C-alpha atoms as a PDB file:
ATOM      1  CA  MET A   1      89.028 102.120  37.166  1.00  0.00           C
ATOM      2  CA  LEU A   2      87.970  98.554  36.605  1.00  0.00           C
ATOM      3  CA  THR A   3      84.733  99.097  38.029  1.00  0.00           C
ATOM      4  CA  ASP A   4      83.610 101.859  36.080  1.00  0.00           C
ATOM      5  CA  ASP A   5      84.778  99.998  32.764  1.00  0.00           C
ATOM      6  CA  PHE A   6      83.079  96.907  33.270  1.00  0.00           C
ATOM      7  CA  ASP A   7      79.435  97.698  34.811  1.00  0.00           C
ATOM      8  CA  PRO A   8      77.783  94.744  34.988  1.00  0.00           C
ATOM      9  CA  LEU A   9      74.307  96.726  33.661  1.00  0.00           C
ATOM     10  CA  GLN A  10      76.152  96.985  30.209  1.00  0.00           C
ATOM     11  CA  GLY A  11      76.699  93.146  29.686  1.00  0.00           C
ATOM     12  CA  LYS A  12      80.934  93.497  30.346  1.00  0.00           C
ATOM     13  CA  MET A  13      82.625  90.630  31.877  1.00  0.00           C
ATOM     14  CA  LEU A  14      86.355  91.373  33.394  1.00  0.00           C
ATOM     15  CA  SER A  15      88.651  89.137  31.455  1.00  0.00           C
ATOM     16  CA  ILE A  16      92.776  89.635  31.588  1.00  0.00           C
ATOM     17  CA  LEU A  17      93.638  86.516  30.542  1.00  0.00           C
ATOM     18  CA  ASP A  18      92.213  84.153  27.902  1.00  0.00           C
ATOM     19  CA  LYS A  19      91.176  80.562  28.259  1.00  0.00           C
ATOM     20  CA  ASP A  20      94.807  79.768  25.695  1.00  0.00           C
ATOM     21  CA  GLY A  21      97.013  81.521  28.700  1.00  0.00           C
ATOM     22  CA  LYS A  22      97.397  85.028  26.746  1.00  0.00           C
ATOM     23  CA  VAL A  23      97.361  88.307  28.726  1.00  0.00           C
ATOM     24  CA  ASN A  24      95.771  91.721  27.770  1.00  0.00           C
ATOM     25  CA  GLU A  25      98.934  93.657  28.715  1.00  0.00           C
ATOM     26  CA  ALA A  26      96.737  96.838  29.227  1.00  0.00           C
ATOM     27  CA  LEU A  27      95.027  95.124  32.223  1.00  0.00           C
ATOM     28  CA  GLU A  28      97.482  92.799  33.929  1.00  0.00           C
ATOM     29  CA  PRO A  29      97.402  93.960  37.624  1.00  0.00           C
ATOM     30  CA  ARG A  30     101.252  94.308  38.854  1.00  0.00           C
ATOM     31  CA  ILE A  31     101.949  90.976  40.891  1.00  0.00           C
ATOM     32  CA  GLU A  32     105.854  89.992  42.200  1.00  0.00           C
ATOM     33  CA  ASP A  33     107.199  86.992  40.743  1.00  0.00           C
ATOM     34  CA  ALA A  34     106.954  85.397  43.911  1.00  0.00           C
ATOM     35  CA  LYS A  35     103.721  85.995  44.305  1.00  0.00           C
ATOM     36  CA  LEU A  36     102.780  84.920  41.100  1.00  0.00           C
ATOM     37  CA  LEU A  37     104.124  81.331  41.604  1.00  0.00           C
ATOM     38  CA  HIS A  38     102.761  81.433  45.150  1.00  0.00           C
ATOM     39  CA  ALA A  39      99.632  81.513  44.012  1.00  0.00           C
ATOM     40  CA  TYR A  40     100.010  79.015  41.001  1.00  0.00           C
ATOM     41  CA  LYS A  41     101.407  76.369  43.404  1.00  0.00           C
ATOM     42  CA  THR A  42      99.114  76.962  45.818  1.00  0.00           C
ATOM     43  CA  MET A  43      96.176  76.581  43.163  1.00  0.00           C
ATOM     44  CA  VAL A  44      97.958  73.203  42.276  1.00  0.00           C
ATOM     45  CA  LEU A  45      97.900  71.916  45.577  1.00  0.00           C
ATOM     46  CA  THR A  46      94.362  72.571  46.387  1.00  0.00           C
ATOM     47  CA  ARG A  47      93.796  70.292  43.568  1.00  0.00           C
ATOM     48  CA  ILE A  48      95.557  67.524  44.670  1.00  0.00           C
ATOM     49  CA  ALA A  49      94.236  67.957  47.847  1.00  0.00           C
ATOM     50  CA  ASP A  50      90.624  68.258  46.792  1.00  0.00           C
ATOM     51  CA  ASP A  51      90.844  65.123  44.390  1.00  0.00           C
ATOM     52  CA  LYS A  52      92.304  63.106  47.761  1.00  0.00           C
ATOM     53  CA  ALA A  53      89.281  64.285  49.684  1.00  0.00           C
ATOM     54  CA  VAL A  54      87.201  63.017  47.290  1.00  0.00           C
ATOM     55  CA  ARG A  55      89.042  59.688  46.975  1.00  0.00           C
ATOM     56  CA  LEU A  56      89.018  59.299  50.840  1.00  0.00           C
ATOM     57  CA  GLN A  57      85.003  60.197  50.910  1.00  0.00           C
ATOM     58  CA  ARG A  58      84.433  57.439  48.713  1.00  0.00           C
ATOM     59  CA  GLN A  59      86.581  54.829  51.048  1.00  0.00           C
ATOM     60  CA  GLY A  60      84.732  55.975  54.203  1.00  0.00           C
ATOM     61  CA  ARG A  61      87.583  58.468  55.842  1.00  0.00           C
ATOM     62  CA  LEU A  62      85.920  61.384  55.264  1.00  0.00           C
ATOM     63  CA  GLY A  63      82.565  62.382  55.807  1.00  0.00           C
ATOM     64  CA  ALA A  64      80.385  64.165  52.459  1.00  0.00           C
ATOM     65  CA  TYR A  65      82.865  66.796  51.222  1.00  0.00           C
ATOM     66  CA  PRO A  66      82.407  69.635  48.647  1.00  0.00           C
ATOM     67  CA  PRO A  67      84.348  69.323  46.071  1.00  0.00           C
ATOM     68  CA  SER A  68      85.955  72.529  44.616  1.00  0.00           C
ATOM     69  CA  ARG A  69      87.734  71.156  41.135  1.00  0.00           C
ATOM     70  CA  GLY A  70      87.661  73.721  38.472  1.00  0.00           C
ATOM     71  CA  GLN A  71      87.203  76.865  40.984  1.00  0.00           C
ATOM     72  CA  GLU A  72      90.934  77.970  42.420  1.00  0.00           C
ATOM     73  CA  ALA A  73      91.555  80.321  40.788  1.00  0.00           C
ATOM     74  CA  SER A  74      87.873  81.837  42.047  1.00  0.00           C
ATOM     75  CA  GLN A  75      89.056  81.027  45.563  1.00  0.00           C
ATOM     76  CA  VAL A  76      93.041  81.781  45.638  1.00  0.00           C
ATOM     77  CA  GLY A  77      92.925  85.102  42.979  1.00  0.00           C
ATOM     78  CA  PRO A  78      90.512  87.407  45.352  1.00  0.00           C
ATOM     79  CA  ALA A  79      92.169  85.941  48.823  1.00  0.00           C
ATOM     80  CA  LEU A  80      95.655  86.880  47.244  1.00  0.00           C
ATOM     81  CA  ALA A  81      94.978  90.497  47.050  1.00  0.00           C
ATOM     82  CA  LEU A  82      94.116  90.619  50.937  1.00  0.00           C
ATOM     83  CA  GLU A  83      96.782  91.943  53.844  1.00  0.00           C
ATOM     84  CA  LYS A  84      97.604  90.343  57.602  1.00  0.00           C
ATOM     85  CA  GLY A  85      94.437  91.371  59.897  1.00  0.00           C
ATOM     86  CA  ASP A  86      92.326  91.417  56.770  1.00  0.00           C
ATOM     87  CA  TRP A  87      89.197  88.767  57.432  1.00  0.00           C
ATOM     88  CA  LEU A  88      88.362  86.075  55.639  1.00  0.00           C
ATOM     89  CA  VAL A  89      84.562  84.862  56.001  1.00  0.00           C
ATOM     90  CA  TRP A  90      84.316  81.589  53.737  1.00  0.00           C
ATOM     91  CA  ALA A  91      81.262  79.542  53.244  1.00  0.00           C
ATOM     92  CA  PHE A  92      82.596  76.105  52.465  1.00  0.00           C
ATOM     93  CA  ARG A  93      84.060  75.433  48.818  1.00  0.00           C
ATOM     94  CA  GLU A  94      86.955  78.104  49.784  1.00  0.00           C
ATOM     95  CA  LEU A  95      89.990  75.453  50.423  1.00  0.00           C
ATOM     96  CA  GLY A  96      91.878  76.926  48.078  1.00  0.00           C
ATOM     97  CA  ALA A  97      91.564  80.617  49.823  1.00  0.00           C
ATOM     98  CA  LEU A  98      92.172  78.900  52.815  1.00  0.00           C
ATOM     99  CA  LEU A  99      95.343  77.107  52.177  1.00  0.00           C
ATOM    100  CA  LEU A 100      96.746  80.653  50.965  1.00  0.00           C
ATOM    101  CA  ARG A 101      95.824  82.111  54.246  1.00  0.00           C
ATOM    102  CA  GLY A 102      97.886  79.714  55.570  1.00  0.00           C
ATOM    103  CA  VAL A 103      95.643  76.939  57.085  1.00  0.00           C
ATOM    104  CA  PRO A 104      96.762  73.848  57.725  1.00  0.00           C
ATOM    105  CA  LEU A 105      95.247  71.425  55.612  1.00  0.00           C
ATOM    106  CA  TRP A 106      95.317  68.482  58.350  1.00  0.00           C
ATOM    107  CA  ARG A 107      92.909  70.970  60.349  1.00  0.00           C
ATOM    108  CA  LEU A 108      90.615  71.234  57.097  1.00  0.00           C
ATOM    109  CA  TYR A 109      90.253  67.290  56.668  1.00  0.00           C
ATOM    110  CA  LEU A 110      90.044  67.166  60.490  1.00  0.00           C
ATOM    111  CA  TYR A 111      87.064  69.249  60.087  1.00  0.00           C
ATOM    112  CA  TRP A 112      85.129  67.077  57.070  1.00  0.00           C
ATOM    113  CA  MET A 113      86.324  64.195  59.112  1.00  0.00           C
ATOM    114  CA  GLY A 114      83.450  65.506  61.784  1.00  0.00           C
ATOM    115  CA  ASN A 115      86.373  66.774  64.309  1.00  0.00           C
ATOM    116  CA  GLU A 116      85.267  70.483  66.010  1.00  0.00           C
ATOM    117  CA  GLU A 117      88.906  70.890  66.418  1.00  0.00           C
ATOM    118  CA  GLY A 118      89.436  71.129  62.663  1.00  0.00           C
ATOM    119  CA  SER A 119      87.636  74.782  63.176  1.00  0.00           C
ATOM    120  CA  VAL A 120      90.484  75.659  65.814  1.00  0.00           C
ATOM    121  CA  LEU A 121      93.059  77.992  64.655  1.00  0.00           C
ATOM    122  CA  GLU A 122      96.417  78.715  66.062  1.00  0.00           C
ATOM    123  CA  GLY A 123      98.303  82.082  65.683  1.00  0.00           C
ATOM    124  CA  ASP A 124      97.204  85.537  64.208  1.00  0.00           C
ATOM    125  CA  VAL A 125      94.265  84.396  61.774  1.00  0.00           C
ATOM    126  CA  SER A 126      91.183  86.565  60.842  1.00  0.00           C
ATOM    127  CA  LEU A 127      89.201  83.657  59.577  1.00  0.00           C
ATOM    128  CA  THR A 128      85.501  82.553  60.496  1.00  0.00           C
ATOM    129  CA  PRO A 129      84.531  78.780  61.168  1.00  0.00           C
ATOM    130  CA  SER A 130      82.474  77.197  57.787  1.00  0.00           C
ATOM    131  CA  ALA A 131      79.477  78.167  57.542  1.00  0.00           C
ATOM    132  CA  VAL A 132      77.003  75.325  55.986  1.00  0.00           C
ATOM    133  CA  PRO A 133      73.570  76.770  55.790  1.00  0.00           C
ATOM    134  CA  VAL A 134      73.699  78.958  52.715  1.00  0.00           C
ATOM    135  CA  GLY A 135      74.250  82.595  52.979  1.00  0.00           C
ATOM    136  CA  SER A 136      74.365  82.854  56.688  1.00  0.00           C
ATOM    137  CA  GLN A 137      77.909  84.121  57.076  1.00  0.00           C
ATOM    138  CA  LEU A 138      76.782  87.567  55.075  1.00  0.00           C
ATOM    139  CA  PRO A 139      75.132  89.141  58.075  1.00  0.00           C
ATOM    140  CA  HIS A 140      78.582  87.928  59.965  1.00  0.00           C
ATOM    141  CA  ALA A 141      80.856  89.516  57.617  1.00  0.00           C
ATOM    142  CA  VAL A 142      78.915  92.208  57.438  1.00  0.00           C
ATOM    143  CA  GLY A 143      79.288  92.843  61.123  1.00  0.00           C
ATOM    144  CA  ILE A 144      82.703  92.540  61.005  1.00  0.00           C
ATOM    145  CA  SER A 145      83.199  95.044  58.588  1.00  0.00           C
ATOM    146  CA  TYR A 146      81.254  97.343  60.467  1.00  0.00           C
ATOM    147  CA  ALA A 147      83.158  97.216  63.726  1.00  0.00           C
ATOM    148  CA  MET A 148      86.654  97.843  62.018  1.00  0.00           C
ATOM    149  CA  LYS A 149      84.738 100.930  60.452  1.00  0.00           C
ATOM    150  CA  TYR A 150      83.734 101.993  63.963  1.00  0.00           C
ATOM    151  CA  ARG A 151      87.476 100.964  65.343  1.00  0.00           C
ATOM    152  CA  LYS A 152      88.460 103.373  62.865  1.00  0.00           C
ATOM    153  CA  GLU A 153      90.370 100.587  61.691  1.00  0.00           C
ATOM    154  CA  SER A 154      92.068  99.901  58.149  1.00  0.00           C
ATOM    155  CA  ASN A 155      91.390  96.255  57.464  1.00  0.00           C
ATOM    156  CA  VAL A 156      88.543  94.978  55.180  1.00  0.00           C
ATOM    157  CA  VAL A 157      86.636  91.830  54.915  1.00  0.00           C
ATOM    158  CA  LEU A 158      86.276  89.603  52.100  1.00  0.00           C
ATOM    159  CA  CYS A 159      83.186  87.581  52.199  1.00  0.00           C
ATOM    160  CA  TYR A 160      82.866  84.276  49.894  1.00  0.00           C
ATOM    161  CA  PHE A 161      79.301  82.605  48.831  1.00  0.00           C
ATOM    162  CA  GLY A 162      77.933  80.773  45.703  1.00  0.00           C
ATOM    163  CA  ASP A 163      75.351  82.049  43.474  1.00  0.00           C
ATOM    164  CA  GLY A 164      72.482  80.279  45.456  1.00  0.00           C
ATOM    165  CA  ALA A 165      73.318  82.505  48.559  1.00  0.00           C
ATOM    166  CA  THR A 166      71.791  85.217  46.385  1.00  0.00           C
ATOM    167  CA  SER A 167      68.280  83.917  46.864  1.00  0.00           C
ATOM    168  CA  GLU A 168      68.423  84.057  50.408  1.00  0.00           C
ATOM    169  CA  GLY A 169      67.111  86.438  52.601  1.00  0.00           C
ATOM    170  CA  ASP A 170      70.660  86.945  54.324  1.00  0.00           C
ATOM    171  CA  PHE A 171      71.921  88.169  51.353  1.00  0.00           C
ATOM    172  CA  HIS A 172      69.721  90.926  50.829  1.00  0.00           C
ATOM    173  CA  GLU A 173      70.156  91.804  54.294  1.00  0.00           C
ATOM    174  CA  GLY A 174      74.030  91.831  54.400  1.00  0.00           C
ATOM    175  CA  LEU A 175      74.181  94.023  51.272  1.00  0.00           C
ATOM    176  CA  ASN A 176      71.540  96.339  52.368  1.00  0.00           C
ATOM    177  CA  PHE A 177      72.987  96.916  55.810  1.00  0.00           C
ATOM    178  CA  ALA A 178      76.676  97.317  54.238  1.00  0.00           C
ATOM    179  CA  GLY A 179      75.644  99.653  51.522  1.00  0.00           C
ATOM    180  CA  THR A 180      73.779 101.646  54.157  1.00  0.00           C
ATOM    181  CA  MET A 181      77.145 101.613  56.230  1.00  0.00           C
ATOM    182  CA  ARG A 182      79.395 101.669  53.626  1.00  0.00           C
ATOM    183  CA  THR A 183      81.293  99.412  55.415  1.00  0.00           C
ATOM    184  CA  PRO A 184      84.524  97.785  54.287  1.00  0.00           C
ATOM    185  CA  VAL A 185      83.459  94.445  52.834  1.00  0.00           C
ATOM    186  CA  ILE A 186      83.993  92.766  49.908  1.00  0.00           C
ATOM    187  CA  PHE A 187      81.540  90.339  48.110  1.00  0.00           C
ATOM    188  CA  LEU A 188      82.632  87.534  46.416  1.00  0.00           C
ATOM    189  CA  CYS A 189      80.163  85.370  44.461  1.00  0.00           C
ATOM    190  CA  GLN A 190      81.277  82.295  43.516  1.00  0.00           C
ATOM    191  CA  ASN A 191      79.041  81.981  40.324  1.00  0.00           C
ATOM    192  CA  ASN A 192      79.585  78.080  39.692  1.00  0.00           C
ATOM    193  CA  GLN A 193      76.208  77.966  37.711  1.00  0.00           C
ATOM    194  CA  TYR A 194      74.375  75.356  39.948  1.00  0.00           C
ATOM    195  CA  ALA A 195      73.198  76.005  43.247  1.00  0.00           C
ATOM    196  CA  ILE A 196      72.972  72.598  43.731  1.00  0.00           C
ATOM    197  CA  SER A 197      71.019  70.853  40.403  1.00  0.00           C
ATOM    198  CA  MET A 198      69.311  74.571  40.433  1.00  0.00           C
ATOM    199  CA  PRO A 199      70.812  76.613  37.469  1.00  0.00           C
ATOM    200  CA  ARG A 200      71.608  79.921  36.978  1.00  0.00           C
ATOM    201  CA  LYS A 201      69.292  80.744  34.872  1.00  0.00           C
ATOM    202  CA  LEU A 202      66.487  79.669  37.411  1.00  0.00           C
ATOM    203  CA  GLN A 203      68.034  81.822  40.315  1.00  0.00           C
ATOM    204  CA  THR A 204      67.299  85.272  39.032  1.00  0.00           C
ATOM    205  CA  ALA A 205      65.725  87.227  36.368  1.00  0.00           C
ATOM    206  CA  ALA A 206      68.642  89.373  36.287  1.00  0.00           C
ATOM    207  CA  PRO A 207      71.247  89.271  33.382  1.00  0.00           C
ATOM    208  CA  THR A 208      74.064  88.711  35.785  1.00  0.00           C
ATOM    209  CA  LEU A 209      74.470  88.586  39.616  1.00  0.00           C
ATOM    210  CA  ALA A 210      77.187  91.412  40.315  1.00  0.00           C
ATOM    211  CA  GLN A 211      74.102  94.069  38.970  1.00  0.00           C
ATOM    212  CA  LYS A 212      72.450  93.692  42.381  1.00  0.00           C
ATOM    213  CA  ALA A 213      74.809  95.694  43.402  1.00  0.00           C
ATOM    214  CA  CYS A 214      72.878  98.560  42.055  1.00  0.00           C
ATOM    215  CA  ALA A 215      69.842  97.876  44.420  1.00  0.00           C
ATOM    216  CA  TYR A 216      72.541  98.507  47.341  1.00  0.00           C
ATOM    217  CA  GLY A 217      74.066 101.759  46.142  1.00  0.00           C
ATOM    218  CA  PHE A 218      77.473 100.523  45.330  1.00  0.00           C
ATOM    219  CA  LYS A 219      79.583  99.011  42.641  1.00  0.00           C
ATOM    220  CA  GLY A 220      79.560  95.539  41.189  1.00  0.00           C
ATOM    221  CA  ILE A 221      81.959  93.998  38.753  1.00  0.00           C
ATOM    222  CA  GLN A 222      81.711  90.282  36.529  1.00  0.00           C
ATOM    223  CA  VAL A 223      84.415  88.716  36.253  1.00  0.00           C
ATOM    224  CA  ASP A 224      85.833  85.588  34.189  1.00  0.00           C
ATOM    225  CA  GLY A 225      86.105  83.305  37.334  1.00  0.00           C
ATOM    226  CA  ASN A 226      88.558  81.129  35.453  1.00  0.00           C
ATOM    227  CA  ASP A 227      90.965  84.043  35.382  1.00  0.00           C
ATOM    228  CA  LEU A 228      93.448  84.588  38.586  1.00  0.00           C
ATOM    229  CA  LEU A 229      94.347  87.858  36.962  1.00  0.00           C
ATOM    230  CA  ALA A 230      90.770  89.214  36.506  1.00  0.00           C
ATOM    231  CA  LEU A 231      90.044  87.972  39.923  1.00  0.00           C
ATOM    232  CA  TYR A 232      92.879  89.262  41.413  1.00  0.00           C
ATOM    233  CA  ALA A 233      92.523  92.986  39.859  1.00  0.00           C
ATOM    234  CA  ALA A 234      89.196  93.770  40.656  1.00  0.00           C
ATOM    235  CA  THR A 235      89.724  92.276  44.694  1.00  0.00           C
ATOM    236  CA  GLU A 236      92.641  94.737  44.821  1.00  0.00           C
ATOM    237  CA  GLU A 237      90.561  97.380  43.496  1.00  0.00           C
ATOM    238  CA  ALA A 238      87.793  96.720  45.864  1.00  0.00           C
ATOM    239  CA  VAL A 239      90.250  96.527  48.612  1.00  0.00           C
ATOM    240  CA  ALA A 240      91.673  99.904  47.981  1.00  0.00           C
ATOM    241  CA  ARG A 241      88.206 101.204  47.381  1.00  0.00           C
ATOM    242  CA  ALA A 242      86.982  99.754  51.335  1.00  0.00           C
ATOM    243  CA  ARG A 243      90.102 101.097  52.998  1.00  0.00           C
ATOM    244  CA  LYS A 244      89.548 104.285  52.039  1.00  0.00           C
ATOM    245  CA  GLY A 245      86.073 104.484  53.405  1.00  0.00           C
ATOM    246  CA  GLU A 246      84.316 103.993  49.654  1.00  0.00           C
ATOM    247  CA  GLY A 247      81.998 101.132  51.115  1.00  0.00           C
ATOM    248  CA  PRO A 248      81.262  98.025  49.802  1.00  0.00           C
ATOM    249  CA  THR A 249      81.954  95.792  46.458  1.00  0.00           C
ATOM    250  CA  LEU A 250      79.917  93.344  44.854  1.00  0.00           C
ATOM    251  CA  ILE A 251      82.073  91.012  42.448  1.00  0.00           C
ATOM    252  CA  GLU A 252      80.588  87.680  40.987  1.00  0.00           C
ATOM    253  CA  SER A 253      83.380  85.060  39.872  1.00  0.00           C
ATOM    254  CA  PHE A 254      81.814  83.326  36.849  1.00  0.00           C
ATOM    255  CA  THR A 255      83.518  80.082  37.124  1.00  0.00           C
ATOM    256  CA  TYR A 256      82.184  76.158  37.277  1.00  0.00           C
ATOM    257  CA  ARG A 257      81.952  73.818  39.420  1.00  0.00           C
ATOM    258  CA  MET A 258      83.499  70.738  37.452  1.00  0.00           C
ATOM    259  CA  GLY A 259      82.697  67.915  40.026  1.00  0.00           C
ATOM    260  CA  ASP A 260      79.025  67.151  41.857  1.00  0.00           C
ATOM    261  CA  HIS A 261      78.051  69.729  44.852  1.00  0.00           C
ATOM    262  CA  THR A 262      78.932  67.584  47.260  1.00  0.00           C
ATOM    263  CA  THR A 263      79.791  63.569  47.307  1.00  0.00           C
ATOM    264  CA  SER A 264      76.415  62.810  48.364  1.00  0.00           C
ATOM    265  CA  ASP A 265      75.290  64.620  44.776  1.00  0.00           C
ATOM    266  CA  ASP A 266      75.018  63.429  41.402  1.00  0.00           C
ATOM    267  CA  ALA A 267      75.630  65.682  38.866  1.00  0.00           C
ATOM    268  CA  THR A 268      75.177  64.069  35.737  1.00  0.00           C
ATOM    269  CA  LYS A 269      71.738  63.811  36.532  1.00  0.00           C
ATOM    270  CA  TYR A 270      71.341  67.683  35.612  1.00  0.00           C
ATOM    271  CA  ARG A 271      74.603  68.343  33.345  1.00  0.00           C
ATOM    272  CA  LEU A 272      75.213  67.756  30.315  1.00  0.00           C
ATOM    273  CA  ALA A 273      78.416  66.006  29.465  1.00  0.00           C
ATOM    274  CA  GLU A 274      78.959  68.654  26.710  1.00  0.00           C
ATOM    275  CA  GLU A 275      78.646  71.463  29.119  1.00  0.00           C
ATOM    276  CA  THR A 276      81.096  70.291  31.764  1.00  0.00           C
ATOM    277  CA  ALA A 277      83.428  69.838  28.537  1.00  0.00           C
ATOM    278  CA  TYR A 278      83.317  72.917  27.436  1.00  0.00           C
ATOM    279  CA  TRP A 279      84.340  74.266  30.977  1.00  0.00           C
ATOM    280  CA  SER A 280      86.974  71.916  31.159  1.00  0.00           C
ATOM    281  CA  ALA A 281      88.909  73.373  28.261  1.00  0.00           C
ATOM    282  CA  ARG A 282      88.930  76.793  30.206  1.00  0.00           C
ATOM    283  CA  ASP A 283      90.179  75.658  33.171  1.00  0.00           C
ATOM    284  CA  PRO A 284      92.119  78.116  35.501  1.00  0.00           C
ATOM    285  CA  ILE A 285      95.003  76.417  36.415  1.00  0.00           C
ATOM    286  CA  SER A 286      96.028  75.272  33.175  1.00  0.00           C
ATOM    287  CA  ARG A 287      95.621  78.663  31.351  1.00  0.00           C
ATOM    288  CA  PHE A 288      97.274  80.404  34.462  1.00  0.00           C
ATOM    289  CA  ARG A 289     100.100  77.558  34.099  1.00  0.00           C
ATOM    290  CA  VAL A 290     100.619  78.952  30.104  1.00  0.00           C
ATOM    291  CA  TYR A 291     101.312  82.747  31.445  1.00  0.00           C
ATOM    292  CA  LEU A 292     103.873  81.803  33.981  1.00  0.00           C
ATOM    293  CA  GLU A 293     105.285  79.853  31.448  1.00  0.00           C
ATOM    294  CA  ARG A 294     105.584  82.623  28.739  1.00  0.00           C
ATOM    295  CA  LYS A 295     106.891  84.930  31.090  1.00  0.00           C
ATOM    296  CA  ASN A 296     110.006  82.422  32.251  1.00  0.00           C
ATOM    297  CA  LEU A 297     108.629  81.532  35.684  1.00  0.00           C
ATOM    298  CA  TRP A 298     107.598  77.961  34.873  1.00  0.00           C
ATOM    299  CA  ASP A 299     108.525  74.767  33.203  1.00  0.00           C
ATOM    300  CA  GLU A 300     107.777  71.225  32.834  1.00  0.00           C
ATOM    301  CA  LYS A 301     110.525  70.219  35.008  1.00  0.00           C
ATOM    302  CA  ARG A 302     109.230  72.560  37.486  1.00  0.00           C
ATOM    303  CA  GLU A 303     105.557  71.202  37.568  1.00  0.00           C
ATOM    304  CA  LYS A 304     106.394  67.725  38.013  1.00  0.00           C
ATOM    305  CA  GLU A 305     108.624  68.475  40.870  1.00  0.00           C
ATOM    306  CA  TRP A 306     106.066  70.454  42.782  1.00  0.00           C
ATOM    307  CA  SER A 307     102.981  68.255  41.591  1.00  0.00           C
ATOM    308  CA  GLU A 308     105.272  65.077  43.550  1.00  0.00           C
ATOM    309  CA  GLU A 309     106.523  67.705  46.149  1.00  0.00           C
ATOM    310  CA  ALA A 310     102.276  68.726  46.489  1.00  0.00           C
ATOM    311  CA  ALA A 311     101.195  64.528  46.650  1.00  0.00           C
ATOM    312  CA  ARG A 312     103.687  64.047  49.264  1.00  0.00           C
ATOM    313  CA  VAL A 313     102.336  67.090  51.450  1.00  0.00           C
ATOM    314  CA  VAL A 314      98.285  66.036  51.051  1.00  0.00           C
ATOM    315  CA  GLU A 315      99.590  62.398  52.083  1.00  0.00           C
ATOM    316  CA  GLU A 316     101.212  63.414  54.852  1.00  0.00           C
ATOM    317  CA  GLU A 317      98.849  65.897  55.770  1.00  0.00           C
ATOM    318  CA  VAL A 318      95.902  63.299  55.691  1.00  0.00           C
ATOM    319  CA  ARG A 319      98.173  60.974  58.108  1.00  0.00           C
ATOM    320  CA  LYS A 320      98.097  63.385  60.432  1.00  0.00           C
ATOM    321  CA  ALA A 321      94.627  64.637  60.516  1.00  0.00           C
ATOM    322  CA  GLU A 322      93.691  60.342  60.832  1.00  0.00           C
ATOM    323  CA  THR A 323      96.283  60.045  63.910  1.00  0.00           C
ATOM    324  CA  HIS A 324      94.717  63.177  65.490  1.00  0.00           C
ATOM    325  CA  ALA A 325      92.905  62.484  68.762  1.00  0.00           C
ATOM    326  CA  PRO A 326      89.522  61.727  68.464  1.00  0.00           C
ATOM    327  CA  PRO A 327      87.046  63.964  69.156  1.00  0.00           C
ATOM    328  CA  ALA A 328      85.391  64.014  72.439  1.00  0.00           C
ATOM    329  CA  LEU A 329      81.834  65.202  73.698  1.00  0.00           C
ATOM    330  CA  ASP A 330      83.185  68.354  75.574  1.00  0.00           C
ATOM    331  CA  ASP A 331      83.606  69.269  71.920  1.00  0.00           C
ATOM    332  CA  ALA A 332      80.238  70.123  71.278  1.00  0.00           C
ATOM    333  CA  PHE A 333      80.312  72.965  74.227  1.00  0.00           C
ATOM    334  CA  ALA A 334      84.024  74.033  73.682  1.00  0.00           C
ATOM    335  CA  HIS A 335      84.503  75.947  70.769  1.00  0.00           C
ATOM    336  CA  THR A 336      81.788  78.058  69.904  1.00  0.00           C
ATOM    337  CA  PHE A 337      82.076  80.728  72.871  1.00  0.00           C
ATOM    338  CA  ALA A 338      85.407  82.608  73.852  1.00  0.00           C
ATOM    339  CA  THR A 339      83.664  82.772  77.475  1.00  0.00           C
ATOM    340  CA  MET A 340      80.758  79.817  77.996  1.00  0.00           C
ATOM    341  CA  PRO A 341      77.635  81.346  78.927  1.00  0.00           C
ATOM    342  CA  GLU A 342      76.243  79.479  82.251  1.00  0.00           C
ATOM    343  CA  GLY A 343      73.324  77.895  80.377  1.00  0.00           C
ATOM    344  CA  LEU A 344      75.673  76.516  78.071  1.00  0.00           C
ATOM    345  CA  ARG A 345      78.223  74.973  81.019  1.00  0.00           C
ATOM    346  CA  GLU A 346      75.044  73.489  82.913  1.00  0.00           C
ATOM    347  CA  GLN A 347      74.777  71.921  79.848  1.00  0.00           C
ATOM    348  CA  LEU A 348      77.873  70.352  80.039  1.00  0.00           C
ATOM    349  CA  GLU A 349      78.079  69.570  83.308  1.00  0.00           C
ATOM    350  CA  PHE A 350      74.774  67.890  83.075  1.00  0.00           C
ATOM    351  CA  MET A 351      76.156  66.155  80.164  1.00  0.00           C
ATOM    352  CA  ARG A 352      79.122  64.932  82.114  1.00  0.00           C
ATOM    353  CA  ARG A 353      77.417  64.243  85.320  1.00  0.00           C
ATOM    354  CA  ASP A 354      74.333  61.962  83.434  1.00  0.00           C
ATOM    355  CA  LEU A 355      75.408  60.423  80.512  1.00  0.00           C
ATOM    356  CA  PRO A 356      77.842  58.178  81.817  1.00  0.00           C
ATOM    357  CA  ALA A 357      75.870  57.104  84.044  1.00  0.00           C
ATOM    358  CA  LYS A 358      73.286  55.803  81.200  1.00  0.00           C
ATOM    359  CA  ARG A 359      75.756  54.266  79.540  1.00  0.00           C
ATOM    360  CA  GLU A 360      76.762  51.959  82.381  1.00  0.00           C
ATOM    361  CA  GLY A 361      72.731  51.500  82.875  1.00  0.00           C
END
């Protein structure tokens, strides 16, 4: 088992696809060709959509936005191991995972434009809203997984968070409860080396973040976060264990944020250009593309066609978001509870009754 062979206490990171796209065939997971191609296309779409979001923010057409360039494998790889009915609990930098799960891009743009309808999802989508407060989503994920166990369901929860969240009380409370109750949850830490400007080395004295799982009585593994195959393999195993009732797993995705923390940040103030260049040579999309080319699943022609198609799709999704009806005052109340509590309903009625009169006055 991967989680036995790659013990975080031994400092051995799981890597299957090296920076040049060469695969370790002994560890290569079995993934259907169609699934591999879907994953790659989603990664490329994510990169193009992400770059577009940053430009939209600079033009004043989008609010503060968290770029995800460089973390596409860290987002898509784990989500690829989920099945229908499994829950995805995210923070705010998981664009690729959301696109893979079928969330419309225009909805996500709408959310970052400040419209609450961007969090309203149609259909059978097992997904929580964004959780911008650092780490607050971990107890929610554990609660969902506990409900699954209580109901004797076979589904699992995949919970994303950043390295900064490991310094929050919610992280420790969530992992402690999950470990004690053996709930079916996979904790996916996107360790992109910085919590805003705080480097990972100042977050904790522990050599790895994955080894924190040991304190809570379950397995942890550190994975090359720019290696989609390794992330898929580690998550696939964690999901299988969770479905069998063997409890949670902590996966540390050792990756790198190529851009700023958000569009309100300037990473050049605290990072050296040489550091970014080092990680740029380990780009998750480039290495996965080489892997697909060596399997005769991809080529330059397909790359050009898909890049152009993805760019067209992104522009259409932007148009759809920008032409959507503007947010209404009721939206501040409408999307929190399935059935609105009486106290909140009274506040809504008060606003509807008194606010127009104050504006006229």
